[in-house]
């Protein structure tokens, strides 16, 4: 990331992208699968003892 954006000294960035016009949305909580994937990544990072920060745009 040295040639890209340096976000608070993070050594790694994981970018999760999806096409919101063509994605399955859960009817009970209105979360799309892209959000579910990002959520699982954050949960696994915590399980591994890593800090994480979920940013949205």
PDB file of N, CA and C in Angstrom:
ATOM      1  N   UNK A   1       0.808  -1.203   0.000  1.00  0.00           N
ATOM      2  CA  UNK A   1       0.000   0.000   0.000  1.00  0.00           C
ATOM      3  C   UNK A   1       0.847   1.261   0.000  1.00  0.00           C
ATOM      4  N   UNK A   2       2.159   1.137  -0.095  1.00  0.00           N
ATOM      5  CA  UNK A   2       3.016   2.308  -0.012  1.00  0.00           C
ATOM      6  C   UNK A   2       2.776   3.285  -1.160  1.00  0.00           C
ATOM      7  N   UNK A   3       2.335   2.803  -2.303  1.00  0.00           N
ATOM      8  CA  UNK A   3       2.063   3.687  -3.431  1.00  0.00           C
ATOM      9  C   UNK A   3       0.596   4.106  -3.496  1.00  0.00           C
ATOM     10  N   UNK A   4      -0.209   3.580  -2.598  1.00  0.00           N
ATOM     11  CA  UNK A   4      -1.628   3.915  -2.569  1.00  0.00           C
ATOM     12  C   UNK A   4      -1.946   4.763  -1.356  1.00  0.00           C
ATOM     13  N   UNK A   5      -3.139   4.632  -0.894  1.00  0.00           N
ATOM     14  CA  UNK A   5      -3.588   5.376   0.270  1.00  0.00           C
ATOM     15  C   UNK A   5      -3.029   4.718   1.524  1.00  0.00           C
ATOM     16  N   UNK A   6      -2.484   5.517   2.431  1.00  0.00           N
ATOM     17  CA  UNK A   6      -1.997   5.002   3.707  1.00  0.00           C
ATOM     18  C   UNK A   6      -3.046   5.335   4.756  1.00  0.00           C
ATOM     19  N   UNK A   7      -3.840   4.352   5.135  1.00  0.00           N
ATOM     20  CA  UNK A   7      -4.919   4.578   6.088  1.00  0.00           C
ATOM     21  C   UNK A   7      -4.458   4.196   7.490  1.00  0.00           C
ATOM     22  N   UNK A   8      -4.064   5.172   8.249  1.00  0.00           N
ATOM     23  CA  UNK A   8      -3.649   4.994   9.646  1.00  0.00           C
ATOM     24  C   UNK A   8      -2.558   3.942   9.807  1.00  0.00           C
ATOM     25  N   UNK A   9      -1.667   3.838   8.849  1.00  0.00           N
ATOM     26  CA  UNK A   9      -0.548   2.915   8.959  1.00  0.00           C
ATOM     27  C   UNK A   9      -0.903   1.450   8.778  1.00  0.00           C
ATOM     28  N   UNK A  10      -2.078   1.168   8.253  1.00  0.00           N
ATOM     29  CA  UNK A  10      -2.490  -0.223   8.059  1.00  0.00           C
ATOM     30  C   UNK A  10      -1.560  -0.902   7.056  1.00  0.00           C
ATOM     31  N   UNK A  11      -1.191  -2.134   7.366  1.00  0.00           N
ATOM     32  CA  UNK A  11      -0.310  -2.869   6.463  1.00  0.00           C
ATOM     33  C   UNK A  11      -1.075  -3.642   5.395  1.00  0.00           C
ATOM     34  N   UNK A  12      -2.398  -3.695   5.531  1.00  0.00           N
ATOM     35  CA  UNK A  12      -3.216  -4.442   4.583  1.00  0.00           C
ATOM     36  C   UNK A  12      -4.590  -3.803   4.478  1.00  0.00           C
ATOM     37  N   UNK A  13      -5.126  -3.784   3.283  1.00  0.00           N
ATOM     38  CA  UNK A  13      -6.500  -3.337   3.055  1.00  0.00           C
ATOM     39  C   UNK A  13      -7.217  -4.401   2.244  1.00  0.00           C
ATOM     40  N   UNK A  14      -8.413  -4.749   2.664  1.00  0.00           N
ATOM     41  CA  UNK A  14      -9.246  -5.688   1.914  1.00  0.00           C
ATOM     42  C   UNK A  14     -10.439  -4.889   1.408  1.00  0.00           C
ATOM     43  N   UNK A  15     -10.620  -4.882   0.126  1.00  0.00           N
ATOM     44  CA  UNK A  15     -11.711  -4.132  -0.487  1.00  0.00           C
ATOM     45  C   UNK A  15     -12.737  -5.129  -0.999  1.00  0.00           C
ATOM     46  N   UNK A  16     -13.958  -5.016  -0.508  1.00  0.00           N
ATOM     47  CA  UNK A  16     -15.049  -5.898  -0.914  1.00  0.00           C
ATOM     48  C   UNK A  16     -15.993  -5.078  -1.782  1.00  0.00           C
ATOM     49  N   UNK A  17     -16.181  -5.512  -3.013  1.00  0.00           N
ATOM     50  CA  UNK A  17     -17.026  -4.775  -3.964  1.00  0.00           C
ATOM     51  C   UNK A  17     -18.177  -5.661  -4.427  1.00  0.00           C
ATOM     52  N   UNK A  18     -19.262  -5.038  -4.802  1.00  0.00           N
ATOM     53  CA  UNK A  18     -20.392  -5.777  -5.341  1.00  0.00           C
ATOM     54  C   UNK A  18     -21.287  -4.881  -6.156  1.00  0.00           C
ATOM     55  N   UNK A  19     -22.032  -5.468  -7.043  1.00  0.00           N
ATOM     56  CA  UNK A  19     -22.999  -4.746  -7.875  1.00  0.00           C
ATOM     57  C   UNK A  19     -24.343  -4.769  -7.157  1.00  0.00           C
ATOM     58  N   UNK A  20     -24.713  -3.660  -6.541  1.00  0.00           N
ATOM     59  CA  UNK A  20     -25.934  -3.611  -5.741  1.00  0.00           C
ATOM     60  C   UNK A  20     -27.212  -3.751  -6.579  1.00  0.00           C
ATOM     61  N   UNK A  21     -27.094  -3.628  -7.883  1.00  0.00           N
ATOM     62  CA  UNK A  21     -28.276  -3.810  -8.730  1.00  0.00           C
ATOM     63  C   UNK A  21     -28.515  -5.282  -9.061  1.00  0.00           C
ATOM     64  N   UNK A  22     -27.532  -6.144  -8.740  1.00  0.00           N
ATOM     65  CA  UNK A  22     -27.643  -7.560  -9.096  1.00  0.00           C
ATOM     66  C   UNK A  22     -27.085  -8.427  -7.970  1.00  0.00           C
ATOM     67  N   UNK A  23     -27.675  -8.309  -6.779  1.00  0.00           N
ATOM     68  CA  UNK A  23     -27.183  -9.063  -5.635  1.00  0.00           C
ATOM     69  C   UNK A  23     -28.368  -9.548  -4.801  1.00  0.00           C
ATOM     70  N   UNK A  24     -28.209 -10.720  -4.194  1.00  0.00           N
ATOM     71  CA  UNK A  24     -29.264 -11.255  -3.342  1.00  0.00           C
ATOM     72  C   UNK A  24     -29.345 -10.437  -2.058  1.00  0.00           C
ATOM     73  N   UNK A  25     -30.562 -10.086  -1.651  1.00  0.00           N
ATOM     74  CA  UNK A  25     -30.795  -9.347  -0.404  1.00  0.00           C
ATOM     75  C   UNK A  25     -31.628 -10.224   0.506  1.00  0.00           C
ATOM     76  N   UNK A  26     -31.154 -10.416   1.750  1.00  0.00           N
ATOM     77  CA  UNK A  26     -31.906 -11.192   2.730  1.00  0.00           C
ATOM     78  C   UNK A  26     -33.186 -10.455   3.094  1.00  0.00           C
ATOM     79  N   UNK A  27     -34.335 -11.110   3.033  1.00  0.00           N
ATOM     80  CA  UNK A  27     -35.598 -10.429   3.309  1.00  0.00           C
ATOM     81  C   UNK A  27     -35.782 -10.034   4.773  1.00  0.00           C
ATOM     82  N   UNK A  28     -35.139 -10.734   5.710  1.00  0.00           N
ATOM     83  CA  UNK A  28     -35.378 -10.452   7.128  1.00  0.00           C
ATOM     84  C   UNK A  28     -34.577  -9.284   7.675  1.00  0.00           C
ATOM     85  N   UNK A  29     -33.414  -8.995   7.127  1.00  0.00           N
ATOM     86  CA  UNK A  29     -32.632  -7.872   7.651  1.00  0.00           C
ATOM     87  C   UNK A  29     -32.167  -6.890   6.573  1.00  0.00           C
ATOM     88  N   UNK A  30     -32.553  -7.151   5.330  1.00  0.00           N
ATOM     89  CA  UNK A  30     -32.249  -6.281   4.184  1.00  0.00           C
ATOM     90  C   UNK A  30     -30.758  -6.126   3.903  1.00  0.00           C
ATOM     91  N   UNK A  31     -29.926  -7.037   4.442  1.00  0.00           N
ATOM     92  CA  UNK A  31     -28.496  -7.010   4.135  1.00  0.00           C
ATOM     93  C   UNK A  31     -28.248  -7.765   2.838  1.00  0.00           C
ATOM     94  N   UNK A  32     -27.385  -7.205   2.003  1.00  0.00           N
ATOM     95  CA  UNK A  32     -27.021  -7.911   0.784  1.00  0.00           C
ATOM     96  C   UNK A  32     -25.827  -8.818   1.065  1.00  0.00           C
ATOM     97  N   UNK A  33     -25.541  -9.720   0.159  1.00  0.00           N
ATOM     98  CA  UNK A  33     -24.468 -10.694   0.365  1.00  0.00           C
ATOM     99  C   UNK A  33     -23.101 -10.024   0.458  1.00  0.00           C
ATOM    100  N   UNK A  34     -22.924  -8.875  -0.179  1.00  0.00           N
ATOM    101  CA  UNK A  34     -21.654  -8.159  -0.080  1.00  0.00           C
ATOM    102  C   UNK A  34     -21.416  -7.745   1.369  1.00  0.00           C
ATOM    103  N   UNK A  35     -22.449  -7.252   2.028  1.00  0.00           N
ATOM    104  CA  UNK A  35     -22.337  -6.862   3.434  1.00  0.00           C
ATOM    105  C   UNK A  35     -22.054  -8.065   4.318  1.00  0.00           C
ATOM    106  N   UNK A  36     -22.670  -9.184   4.016  1.00  0.00           N
ATOM    107  CA  UNK A  36     -22.465 -10.404   4.800  1.00  0.00           C
ATOM    108  C   UNK A  36     -21.011 -10.868   4.676  1.00  0.00           C
ATOM    109  N   UNK A  37     -20.465 -10.830   3.471  1.00  0.00           N
ATOM    110  CA  UNK A  37     -19.068 -11.221   3.256  1.00  0.00           C
ATOM    111  C   UNK A  37     -18.137 -10.304   4.045  1.00  0.00           C
ATOM    112  N   UNK A  38     -18.348  -8.994   3.948  1.00  0.00           N
ATOM    113  CA  UNK A  38     -17.508  -8.039   4.683  1.00  0.00           C
ATOM    114  C   UNK A  38     -17.628  -8.266   6.185  1.00  0.00           C
ATOM    115  N   UNK A  39     -18.821  -8.527   6.668  1.00  0.00           N
ATOM    116  CA  UNK A  39     -19.047  -8.787   8.089  1.00  0.00           C
ATOM    117  C   UNK A  39     -18.281 -10.028   8.545  1.00  0.00           C
ATOM    118  N   UNK A  40     -18.284 -11.076   7.743  1.00  0.00           N
ATOM    119  CA  UNK A  40     -17.563 -12.297   8.099  1.00  0.00           C
ATOM    120  C   UNK A  40     -16.045 -12.074   8.103  1.00  0.00           C
ATOM    121  N   UNK A  41     -15.559 -11.235   7.229  1.00  0.00           N
ATOM    122  CA  UNK A  41     -14.131 -10.911   7.225  1.00  0.00           C
ATOM    123  C   UNK A  41     -13.753 -10.190   8.521  1.00  0.00           C
ATOM    124  N   UNK A  42     -14.579  -9.238   8.942  1.00  0.00           N
ATOM    125  CA  UNK A  42     -14.329  -8.514  10.191  1.00  0.00           C
ATOM    126  C   UNK A  42     -14.373  -9.471  11.380  1.00  0.00           C
ATOM    127  N   UNK A  43     -15.353 -10.373  11.403  1.00  0.00           N
ATOM    128  CA  UNK A  43     -15.462 -11.339  12.496  1.00  0.00           C
ATOM    129  C   UNK A  43     -14.250 -12.276  12.547  1.00  0.00           C
ATOM    130  N   UNK A  44     -13.788 -12.728  11.400  1.00  0.00           N
ATOM    131  CA  UNK A  44     -12.627 -13.619  11.363  1.00  0.00           C
ATOM    132  C   UNK A  44     -11.363 -12.882  11.795  1.00  0.00           C
ATOM    133  N   UNK A  45     -11.218 -11.624  11.396  1.00  0.00           N
ATOM    134  CA  UNK A  45     -10.060 -10.836  11.838  1.00  0.00           C
ATOM    135  C   UNK A  45     -10.044 -10.736  13.358  1.00  0.00           C
ATOM    136  N   UNK A  46     -11.192 -10.488  13.961  1.00  0.00           N
ATOM    137  CA  UNK A  46     -11.295 -10.418  15.418  1.00  0.00           C
ATOM    138  C   UNK A  46     -10.930 -11.757  16.055  1.00  0.00           C
ATOM    139  N   UNK A  47     -11.390 -12.831  15.450  1.00  0.00           N
ATOM    140  CA  UNK A  47     -11.084 -14.172  15.961  1.00  0.00           C
ATOM    141  C   UNK A  47      -9.579 -14.445  15.935  1.00  0.00           C
ATOM    142  N   UNK A  48      -8.897 -13.884  14.946  1.00  0.00           N
ATOM    143  CA  UNK A  48      -7.455 -14.066  14.805  1.00  0.00           C
ATOM    144  C   UNK A  48      -6.660 -13.057  15.641  1.00  0.00           C
ATOM    145  N   UNK A  49      -7.358 -12.197  16.371  1.00  0.00           N
ATOM    146  CA  UNK A  49      -6.694 -11.206  17.214  1.00  0.00           C
ATOM    147  C   UNK A  49      -6.212  -9.987  16.453  1.00  0.00           C
ATOM    148  N   UNK A  50      -6.786  -9.739  15.287  1.00  0.00           N
ATOM    149  CA  UNK A  50      -6.395  -8.591  14.467  1.00  0.00           C
ATOM    150  C   UNK A  50      -7.412  -7.469  14.614  1.00  0.00           C
ATOM    151  N   UNK A  51      -6.946  -6.264  14.526  1.00  0.00           N
ATOM    152  CA  UNK A  51      -7.859  -5.121  14.533  1.00  0.00           C
ATOM    153  C   UNK A  51      -8.428  -4.942  13.135  1.00  0.00           C
ATOM    154  N   UNK A  52      -9.629  -4.405  13.065  1.00  0.00           N
ATOM    155  CA  UNK A  52     -10.227  -4.152  11.768  1.00  0.00           C
ATOM    156  C   UNK A  52     -11.148  -2.943  11.861  1.00  0.00           C
ATOM    157  N   UNK A  53     -11.444  -2.388  10.723  1.00  0.00           N
ATOM    158  CA  UNK A  53     -12.325  -1.229  10.648  1.00  0.00           C
ATOM    159  C   UNK A  53     -13.134  -1.334   9.372  1.00  0.00           C
ATOM    160  N   UNK A  54     -14.438  -1.314   9.485  1.00  0.00           N
ATOM    161  CA  UNK A  54     -15.304  -1.425   8.320  1.00  0.00           C
ATOM    162  C   UNK A  54     -15.653  -0.003   7.869  1.00  0.00           C
ATOM    163  N   UNK A  55     -15.263   0.339   6.660  1.00  0.00           N
ATOM    164  CA  UNK A  55     -15.575   1.633   6.070  1.00  0.00           C
ATOM    165  C   UNK A  55     -16.529   1.415   4.910  1.00  0.00           C
ATOM    166  N   UNK A  56     -17.489   2.285   4.749  1.00  0.00           N
ATOM    167  CA  UNK A  56     -18.408   2.165   3.619  1.00  0.00           C
ATOM    168  C   UNK A  56     -18.349   3.421   2.770  1.00  0.00           C
ATOM    169  N   UNK A  57     -18.754   3.262   1.531  1.00  0.00           N
ATOM    170  CA  UNK A  57     -18.813   4.408   0.622  1.00  0.00           C
ATOM    171  C   UNK A  57     -20.078   4.298  -0.177  1.00  0.00           C
TER     172      UNK A  57
END
